[in-house]
C-alpha cells in the first residue's frame, strides 16, 4: 500500500513538473520574442529618421544605445534553453540550428553586439551617412542570423 502511494505521489509530482516546464518554456519563448520585437522597433525608429519619414534625429542615439544594452544583456543559455526548442506543442520561429550550432549562434550575437557598438559611435557623430552605413551593417548581421536560425515568414 505504501508503495502504491509513493508511486502515485511520484507520478503526480512528475506530471506537475512537466506542466511547469512546458509553461516555463512558453513564457521564455514569449519573453525572447518580446526582446526581438523591441530590437526591431529600435531599428524601425532609426530607419524612419534616416529615410525622412520623421525628423526626430535626437531619437537615433538613445535607440542605438538601447539596442546595444538589450543585445549585451542577452544570455543565450537562459533565453534559449533546450526545453524551448521547436516541437509539436511549442509555437516558436526558432530553428533547431540554434541548439545544434549553439557556438555559431553565440558568435552571431557577438557580431551583432559589435555592429551595434559601431552604430552607437556613428549615432554619436550625428552624421546620417555613417549612421545609415552602421544600420545597414547591423541589418546584414540580423538578416544572416534570421536566415540561419529563424523560420522564414510565410
N, C-alpha and C. Protein backbone atom coordinates (compact mmCIF):
# COMPACT_ATOMS: atom_id res chain seq x y z
N UNK A 1 0.82 -1.20 0.00
CA UNK A 1 0.00 0.00 0.00
C UNK A 1 0.86 1.26 0.00
N UNK A 2 1.91 1.25 0.80
CA UNK A 2 2.81 2.40 0.86
C UNK A 2 3.49 2.60 -0.49
N UNK A 3 3.82 1.49 -1.14
CA UNK A 3 4.47 1.54 -2.44
C UNK A 3 3.56 2.19 -3.48
N UNK A 4 2.28 1.89 -3.45
CA UNK A 4 1.31 2.46 -4.39
C UNK A 4 1.17 3.96 -4.15
N UNK A 5 1.11 4.36 -2.88
CA UNK A 5 1.01 5.79 -2.55
C UNK A 5 2.27 6.52 -3.03
N UNK A 6 3.42 5.92 -2.80
CA UNK A 6 4.67 6.54 -3.20
C UNK A 6 4.72 6.72 -4.72
N UNK A 7 4.34 5.68 -5.44
CA UNK A 7 4.33 5.74 -6.91
C UNK A 7 3.32 6.78 -7.38
N UNK A 8 2.16 6.84 -6.74
CA UNK A 8 1.15 7.83 -7.10
C UNK A 8 1.66 9.24 -6.88
N UNK A 9 2.30 9.47 -5.76
CA UNK A 9 2.86 10.79 -5.46
C UNK A 9 3.96 11.14 -6.46
N UNK A 10 4.81 10.18 -6.74
CA UNK A 10 5.90 10.40 -7.69
C UNK A 10 5.34 10.73 -9.07
N UNK A 11 4.33 10.03 -9.50
CA UNK A 11 3.69 10.29 -10.79
C UNK A 11 3.06 11.67 -10.81
N UNK A 12 2.38 12.04 -9.74
CA UNK A 12 1.74 13.35 -9.63
C UNK A 12 2.78 14.47 -9.71
N UNK A 13 3.87 14.32 -8.98
CA UNK A 13 4.94 15.33 -8.98
C UNK A 13 5.56 15.42 -10.37
N UNK A 14 5.74 14.29 -11.02
CA UNK A 14 6.30 14.27 -12.37
C UNK A 14 5.40 15.02 -13.35
N UNK A 15 4.11 14.79 -13.27
CA UNK A 15 3.15 15.48 -14.14
C UNK A 15 3.18 16.98 -13.89
N UNK A 16 3.20 17.37 -12.62
CA UNK A 16 3.28 18.80 -12.29
C UNK A 16 4.58 19.42 -12.80
N UNK A 17 5.68 18.71 -12.65
CA UNK A 17 6.97 19.22 -13.11
C UNK A 17 6.96 19.42 -14.62
N UNK A 18 6.42 18.46 -15.35
CA UNK A 18 6.35 18.58 -16.81
C UNK A 18 5.45 19.74 -17.22
N UNK A 19 4.34 19.92 -16.53
CA UNK A 19 3.46 21.04 -16.83
C UNK A 19 4.15 22.36 -16.52
N UNK A 20 4.89 22.42 -15.43
CA UNK A 20 5.62 23.64 -15.08
C UNK A 20 6.70 23.94 -16.11
N UNK A 21 7.40 22.91 -16.57
CA UNK A 21 8.43 23.12 -17.59
C UNK A 21 7.81 23.62 -18.89
N UNK A 22 6.69 23.06 -19.29
CA UNK A 22 6.03 23.49 -20.51
C UNK A 22 5.59 24.95 -20.40
N UNK A 23 5.00 25.32 -19.27
CA UNK A 23 4.59 26.69 -19.07
C UNK A 23 5.79 27.61 -19.05
N UNK A 24 6.84 27.19 -18.37
CA UNK A 24 8.05 27.98 -18.32
C UNK A 24 8.61 28.17 -19.72
N UNK A 25 8.60 27.13 -20.53
CA UNK A 25 9.09 27.21 -21.90
C UNK A 25 8.28 28.22 -22.70
N UNK A 26 6.96 28.18 -22.56
CA UNK A 26 6.10 29.13 -23.27
C UNK A 26 6.40 30.56 -22.83
N UNK A 27 6.61 30.76 -21.54
CA UNK A 27 6.93 32.09 -21.03
C UNK A 27 8.27 32.59 -21.56
N UNK A 28 9.25 31.70 -21.61
CA UNK A 28 10.56 32.09 -22.12
C UNK A 28 10.47 32.44 -23.60
N UNK A 29 9.71 31.68 -24.37
CA UNK A 29 9.54 31.97 -25.80
C UNK A 29 8.89 33.34 -25.98
N UNK A 30 7.84 33.62 -25.22
CA UNK A 30 7.19 34.94 -25.30
C UNK A 30 8.16 36.04 -24.91
N UNK A 31 8.93 35.80 -23.88
CA UNK A 31 9.91 36.77 -23.39
C UNK A 31 10.93 37.09 -24.48
N UNK A 32 11.51 36.05 -25.10
CA UNK A 32 12.53 36.31 -26.11
C UNK A 32 11.91 36.93 -27.36
N UNK A 33 10.67 36.59 -27.69
CA UNK A 33 10.00 37.23 -28.82
C UNK A 33 9.83 38.73 -28.56
N UNK A 34 9.51 39.08 -27.32
CA UNK A 34 9.38 40.49 -26.97
C UNK A 34 10.72 41.22 -27.08
N UNK A 35 11.80 40.55 -26.71
CA UNK A 35 13.13 41.15 -26.85
C UNK A 35 13.41 41.41 -28.32
N UNK A 36 13.15 40.44 -29.16
CA UNK A 36 13.42 40.59 -30.59
C UNK A 36 12.53 41.68 -31.21
N UNK A 37 11.28 41.75 -30.78
CA UNK A 37 10.38 42.80 -31.26
C UNK A 37 10.90 44.18 -30.84
N UNK A 38 11.39 44.27 -29.62
CA UNK A 38 11.93 45.55 -29.14
C UNK A 38 13.12 45.97 -30.00
N UNK A 39 14.00 45.02 -30.31
CA UNK A 39 15.15 45.34 -31.16
C UNK A 39 14.68 45.82 -32.53
N UNK A 40 13.71 45.13 -33.09
CA UNK A 40 13.15 45.53 -34.39
C UNK A 40 12.53 46.91 -34.34
N UNK A 41 11.87 47.23 -33.24
CA UNK A 41 11.27 48.56 -33.09
C UNK A 41 12.33 49.65 -33.03
N UNK A 42 13.42 49.39 -32.33
CA UNK A 42 14.51 50.37 -32.29
C UNK A 42 15.07 50.61 -33.69
N UNK A 43 15.26 49.53 -34.44
CA UNK A 43 15.76 49.65 -35.81
C UNK A 43 14.79 50.46 -36.66
N UNK A 44 13.49 50.20 -36.52
CA UNK A 44 12.48 50.93 -37.29
C UNK A 44 12.49 52.42 -36.97
N UNK A 45 12.69 52.76 -35.71
CA UNK A 45 12.73 54.17 -35.31
C UNK A 45 13.92 54.87 -35.95
N UNK A 46 15.08 54.23 -35.91
CA UNK A 46 16.28 54.81 -36.52
C UNK A 46 16.08 54.94 -38.03
N UNK A 47 15.58 53.89 -38.66
CA UNK A 47 15.37 53.90 -40.11
C UNK A 47 14.37 54.97 -40.52
N UNK A 48 13.30 55.15 -39.75
CA UNK A 48 12.31 56.18 -40.08
C UNK A 48 12.95 57.57 -40.11
N UNK A 49 13.86 57.81 -39.19
CA UNK A 49 14.56 59.08 -39.18
C UNK A 49 15.49 59.22 -40.39
N UNK A 50 16.22 58.16 -40.70
CA UNK A 50 17.16 58.21 -41.81
C UNK A 50 16.46 58.35 -43.16
N UNK A 51 15.28 57.76 -43.28
CA UNK A 51 14.52 57.82 -44.53
C UNK A 51 13.72 59.11 -44.65
N UNK A 52 13.72 59.93 -43.59
CA UNK A 52 12.98 61.19 -43.64
C UNK A 52 11.49 61.05 -43.39
N UNK A 53 11.06 59.88 -42.91
CA UNK A 53 9.64 59.71 -42.60
C UNK A 53 9.25 60.52 -41.38
N UNK A 54 10.19 60.69 -40.48
CA UNK A 54 10.05 61.59 -39.33
C UNK A 54 11.35 62.36 -39.20
N UNK A 55 11.29 63.45 -38.49
CA UNK A 55 12.51 64.23 -38.27
C UNK A 55 12.69 64.44 -36.77
N UNK A 56 13.14 63.38 -36.12
CA UNK A 56 13.42 63.43 -34.69
C UNK A 56 14.80 62.79 -34.49
N UNK A 57 15.82 63.44 -35.04
CA UNK A 57 17.16 62.84 -35.03
C UNK A 57 17.72 62.60 -33.63
N UNK A 58 17.22 63.33 -32.66
CA UNK A 58 17.70 63.11 -31.29
C UNK A 58 17.28 61.75 -30.73
N UNK A 59 16.38 61.07 -31.43
CA UNK A 59 15.98 59.72 -31.01
C UNK A 59 16.96 58.64 -31.46
N UNK A 60 17.79 58.94 -32.45
CA UNK A 60 18.66 57.91 -33.02
C UNK A 60 19.66 57.38 -31.99
N UNK A 61 20.32 58.26 -31.28
CA UNK A 61 21.34 57.81 -30.31
C UNK A 61 20.74 56.99 -29.17
N UNK A 62 19.68 57.46 -28.52
CA UNK A 62 19.15 56.61 -27.42
C UNK A 62 18.64 55.26 -27.88
N UNK A 63 18.08 55.20 -29.09
CA UNK A 63 17.60 53.90 -29.58
C UNK A 63 18.76 53.00 -29.98
N UNK A 64 19.83 53.58 -30.48
CA UNK A 64 21.04 52.80 -30.76
C UNK A 64 21.61 52.24 -29.46
N UNK A 65 21.68 53.08 -28.45
CA UNK A 65 22.20 52.63 -27.15
C UNK A 65 21.29 51.59 -26.51
N UNK A 66 19.99 51.74 -26.70
CA UNK A 66 19.04 50.76 -26.16
C UNK A 66 19.25 49.39 -26.80
N UNK A 67 19.50 49.40 -28.11
CA UNK A 67 19.77 48.12 -28.78
C UNK A 67 21.05 47.49 -28.24
N UNK A 68 22.07 48.31 -28.05
CA UNK A 68 23.33 47.78 -27.53
C UNK A 68 23.14 47.20 -26.14
N UNK A 69 22.42 47.91 -25.31
CA UNK A 69 22.15 47.42 -23.95
C UNK A 69 21.35 46.12 -23.99
N UNK A 70 20.34 46.07 -24.83
CA UNK A 70 19.49 44.88 -24.93
C UNK A 70 20.29 43.68 -25.44
N UNK A 71 21.03 43.86 -26.52
CA UNK A 71 21.83 42.76 -27.07
C UNK A 71 22.89 42.29 -26.08
N UNK A 72 23.53 43.25 -25.41
CA UNK A 72 24.59 42.90 -24.46
C UNK A 72 24.06 42.15 -23.25
N UNK A 73 22.79 42.34 -22.94
CA UNK A 73 22.20 41.69 -21.78
C UNK A 73 21.72 40.27 -22.07
N UNK A 74 21.68 39.88 -23.33
CA UNK A 74 21.17 38.56 -23.69
C UNK A 74 22.10 37.46 -23.20
N UNK A 75 21.52 36.54 -22.46
CA UNK A 75 22.21 35.32 -22.05
C UNK A 75 21.58 34.20 -22.85
N UNK A 76 22.28 33.77 -23.88
CA UNK A 76 21.71 32.78 -24.81
C UNK A 76 21.29 31.50 -24.10
N UNK A 77 22.07 31.05 -23.14
CA UNK A 77 21.72 29.81 -22.44
C UNK A 77 20.41 29.93 -21.68
N UNK A 78 20.12 31.12 -21.16
CA UNK A 78 18.86 31.32 -20.43
C UNK A 78 17.72 31.68 -21.36
N UNK A 79 18.03 32.41 -22.43
CA UNK A 79 16.98 32.84 -23.35
C UNK A 79 16.57 31.74 -24.33
N UNK A 80 17.50 30.80 -24.58
CA UNK A 80 17.25 29.70 -25.50
C UNK A 80 17.60 28.36 -24.83
N UNK A 81 16.96 28.05 -23.70
CA UNK A 81 17.26 26.75 -23.07
C UNK A 81 16.74 25.60 -23.94
N UNK A 82 17.29 24.43 -23.71
CA UNK A 82 16.94 23.25 -24.51
C UNK A 82 15.43 22.99 -24.57
N UNK A 83 14.73 23.25 -23.47
CA UNK A 83 13.30 22.92 -23.43
C UNK A 83 12.44 23.91 -24.23
N UNK A 84 13.08 24.87 -24.92
CA UNK A 84 12.31 25.81 -25.74
C UNK A 84 12.56 25.60 -27.23
N UNK A 85 13.19 24.49 -27.57
CA UNK A 85 13.38 24.15 -28.99
C UNK A 85 12.02 23.82 -29.60
N UNK A 86 11.90 23.99 -30.90
CA UNK A 86 10.61 23.72 -31.54
C UNK A 86 10.16 22.27 -31.37
N UNK A 87 8.88 22.10 -31.14
CA UNK A 87 8.28 20.76 -31.07
C UNK A 87 6.81 20.89 -31.42
N UNK A 88 6.06 19.81 -31.27
CA UNK A 88 4.65 19.81 -31.66
C UNK A 88 3.79 20.73 -30.80
N UNK A 89 4.26 21.06 -29.60
CA UNK A 89 3.45 21.84 -28.67
C UNK A 89 3.83 23.32 -28.69
N UNK A 90 5.13 23.60 -28.71
CA UNK A 90 5.60 24.98 -28.59
C UNK A 90 5.54 25.72 -29.92
N UNK A 91 5.02 26.93 -29.88
CA UNK A 91 4.97 27.80 -31.06
C UNK A 91 6.19 28.71 -31.01
N UNK A 92 7.12 28.48 -31.91
CA UNK A 92 8.32 29.30 -31.97
C UNK A 92 8.84 29.34 -33.40
N UNK A 93 9.43 30.47 -33.76
CA UNK A 93 10.05 30.59 -35.07
C UNK A 93 11.51 30.15 -35.03
N UNK A 94 11.98 29.81 -33.85
CA UNK A 94 13.37 29.38 -33.70
C UNK A 94 13.56 28.05 -34.43
N UNK A 95 14.71 27.92 -35.08
CA UNK A 95 15.05 26.67 -35.76
C UNK A 95 15.94 25.82 -34.84
N UNK A 96 15.94 24.53 -35.10
CA UNK A 96 16.78 23.60 -34.33
C UNK A 96 18.26 23.96 -34.37
N UNK A 97 18.67 24.69 -35.42
CA UNK A 97 20.08 25.05 -35.55
C UNK A 97 20.57 25.90 -34.38
N UNK A 98 19.66 26.58 -33.69
CA UNK A 98 20.07 27.35 -32.50
C UNK A 98 20.72 26.42 -31.49
N UNK A 99 20.18 25.24 -31.33
CA UNK A 99 20.68 24.31 -30.33
C UNK A 99 21.76 23.39 -30.90
N UNK A 100 21.67 23.05 -32.17
CA UNK A 100 22.67 22.16 -32.75
C UNK A 100 23.96 22.91 -33.12
N UNK A 101 23.85 24.22 -33.31
CA UNK A 101 25.01 25.04 -33.65
C UNK A 101 25.11 26.23 -32.69
N UNK A 102 25.03 25.92 -31.40
CA UNK A 102 24.94 26.96 -30.38
C UNK A 102 26.15 27.90 -30.38
N UNK A 103 27.33 27.38 -30.63
CA UNK A 103 28.53 28.23 -30.64
C UNK A 103 28.46 29.24 -31.79
N UNK A 104 27.99 28.81 -32.94
CA UNK A 104 27.82 29.73 -34.06
C UNK A 104 26.74 30.77 -33.73
N UNK A 105 25.68 30.33 -33.07
CA UNK A 105 24.63 31.25 -32.66
C UNK A 105 25.18 32.30 -31.70
N UNK A 106 26.00 31.88 -30.76
CA UNK A 106 26.61 32.82 -29.81
C UNK A 106 27.54 33.79 -30.55
N UNK A 107 28.28 33.28 -31.52
CA UNK A 107 29.18 34.14 -32.30
C UNK A 107 28.38 35.19 -33.06
N UNK A 108 27.24 34.79 -33.59
CA UNK A 108 26.38 35.72 -34.32
C UNK A 108 25.89 36.83 -33.40
N UNK A 109 25.56 36.49 -32.16
CA UNK A 109 25.16 37.51 -31.19
C UNK A 109 26.32 38.47 -30.93
N UNK A 110 27.51 37.95 -30.77
CA UNK A 110 28.68 38.80 -30.54
C UNK A 110 28.91 39.72 -31.74
N UNK A 111 28.73 39.21 -32.95
CA UNK A 111 28.85 40.04 -34.16
C UNK A 111 27.81 41.16 -34.14
N UNK A 112 26.60 40.83 -33.73
CA UNK A 112 25.54 41.85 -33.66
C UNK A 112 25.89 42.92 -32.63
N UNK A 113 26.44 42.52 -31.52
CA UNK A 113 26.84 43.49 -30.49
C UNK A 113 27.94 44.40 -31.04
N UNK A 114 28.92 43.82 -31.74
CA UNK A 114 29.99 44.62 -32.33
C UNK A 114 29.45 45.63 -33.34
N UNK A 115 28.54 45.18 -34.19
CA UNK A 115 27.94 46.09 -35.19
C UNK A 115 27.12 47.19 -34.51
N UNK A 116 26.47 46.85 -33.42
CA UNK A 116 25.67 47.85 -32.70
C UNK A 116 26.57 48.87 -32.02
N UNK A 117 27.72 48.44 -31.53
CA UNK A 117 28.69 49.40 -30.96
C UNK A 117 29.11 50.41 -32.02
N UNK A 118 29.34 49.94 -33.23
CA UNK A 118 29.71 50.83 -34.33
C UNK A 118 28.55 51.76 -34.68
N UNK A 119 27.33 51.25 -34.61
CA UNK A 119 26.16 52.09 -34.86
C UNK A 119 26.06 53.20 -33.81
N UNK A 120 26.31 52.85 -32.57
CA UNK A 120 26.27 53.86 -31.49
C UNK A 120 27.31 54.95 -31.76
N UNK A 121 28.52 54.55 -32.15
CA UNK A 121 29.56 55.54 -32.46
C UNK A 121 29.13 56.44 -33.62
N UNK A 122 28.53 55.85 -34.62
CA UNK A 122 28.03 56.64 -35.75
C UNK A 122 26.92 57.59 -35.29
N UNK A 123 26.03 57.09 -34.44
CA UNK A 123 24.94 57.93 -33.93
C UNK A 123 25.48 59.09 -33.10
N UNK A 124 26.55 58.83 -32.37
CA UNK A 124 27.17 59.91 -31.59
C UNK A 124 27.76 60.98 -32.49
N UNK A 125 28.20 60.60 -33.68
CA UNK A 125 28.76 61.57 -34.63
C UNK A 125 27.66 62.45 -35.22
N UNK A 126 26.45 61.89 -35.31
CA UNK A 126 25.34 62.64 -35.89
C UNK A 126 25.37 62.70 -37.41
N UNK A 127 26.28 61.99 -38.03
CA UNK A 127 26.40 62.01 -39.49
C UNK A 127 25.51 60.90 -40.07
N UNK A 128 24.44 61.33 -40.73
CA UNK A 128 23.44 60.38 -41.21
C UNK A 128 24.02 59.31 -42.12
N UNK A 129 24.98 59.67 -42.97
CA UNK A 129 25.58 58.70 -43.87
C UNK A 129 26.28 57.59 -43.07
N UNK A 130 26.98 57.97 -42.00
CA UNK A 130 27.66 56.97 -41.16
C UNK A 130 26.65 56.13 -40.38
N UNK A 131 25.57 56.79 -39.93
CA UNK A 131 24.52 56.07 -39.20
C UNK A 131 23.86 55.05 -40.13
N UNK A 132 23.58 55.47 -41.37
CA UNK A 132 22.94 54.57 -42.34
C UNK A 132 23.86 53.38 -42.63
N UNK A 133 25.14 53.63 -42.76
CA UNK A 133 26.10 52.56 -43.02
C UNK A 133 26.12 51.60 -41.83
N UNK A 134 26.14 52.15 -40.62
CA UNK A 134 26.13 51.32 -39.41
C UNK A 134 24.86 50.50 -39.28
N UNK A 135 23.73 51.13 -39.59
CA UNK A 135 22.45 50.42 -39.51
C UNK A 135 22.38 49.32 -40.57
N UNK A 136 22.88 49.61 -41.76
CA UNK A 136 22.91 48.61 -42.82
C UNK A 136 23.77 47.42 -42.46
N UNK A 137 24.91 47.70 -41.86
CA UNK A 137 25.82 46.64 -41.43
C UNK A 137 25.17 45.77 -40.35
N UNK A 138 24.51 46.41 -39.41
CA UNK A 138 23.79 45.67 -38.37
C UNK A 138 22.66 44.86 -38.99
N UNK A 139 21.96 45.46 -39.94
CA UNK A 139 20.86 44.76 -40.61
C UNK A 139 21.31 43.49 -41.30
N UNK A 140 22.50 43.54 -41.91
CA UNK A 140 23.04 42.34 -42.57
C UNK A 140 23.32 41.25 -41.53
N UNK A 141 23.83 41.65 -40.38
CA UNK A 141 24.09 40.68 -39.32
C UNK A 141 22.78 40.07 -38.82
N UNK A 142 21.78 40.93 -38.63
CA UNK A 142 20.47 40.42 -38.20
C UNK A 142 19.90 39.46 -39.24
N UNK A 143 20.00 39.84 -40.51
CA UNK A 143 19.48 39.01 -41.59
C UNK A 143 20.16 37.66 -41.67
N UNK A 144 21.49 37.65 -41.49
CA UNK A 144 22.19 36.37 -41.55
C UNK A 144 21.79 35.47 -40.39
N UNK A 145 21.53 36.06 -39.24
CA UNK A 145 21.06 35.28 -38.09
C UNK A 145 19.66 34.72 -38.37
N UNK A 146 18.79 35.56 -38.92
CA UNK A 146 17.44 35.11 -39.25
C UNK A 146 17.49 33.99 -40.28
N UNK A 147 18.36 34.12 -41.29
CA UNK A 147 18.46 33.09 -42.33
C UNK A 147 18.87 31.74 -41.75
N UNK A 148 19.75 31.76 -40.79
CA UNK A 148 20.32 30.52 -40.24
C UNK A 148 19.51 29.96 -39.08
N UNK A 149 18.88 30.84 -38.29
CA UNK A 149 18.32 30.39 -37.01
C UNK A 149 16.82 30.66 -36.82
N UNK A 150 16.15 31.23 -37.83
CA UNK A 150 14.73 31.54 -37.67
C UNK A 150 13.95 31.06 -38.89
N UNK A 151 12.77 30.52 -38.63
CA UNK A 151 11.89 30.09 -39.73
C UNK A 151 11.57 31.27 -40.61
N UNK A 152 11.46 31.01 -41.89
CA UNK A 152 11.07 32.04 -42.85
C UNK A 152 9.64 32.47 -42.59
N UNK A 153 9.37 33.75 -42.82
CA UNK A 153 8.00 34.24 -42.71
C UNK A 153 7.20 33.74 -43.91
N UNK A 154 5.95 33.44 -43.65
CA UNK A 154 5.07 32.96 -44.74
C UNK A 154 4.54 34.09 -45.56
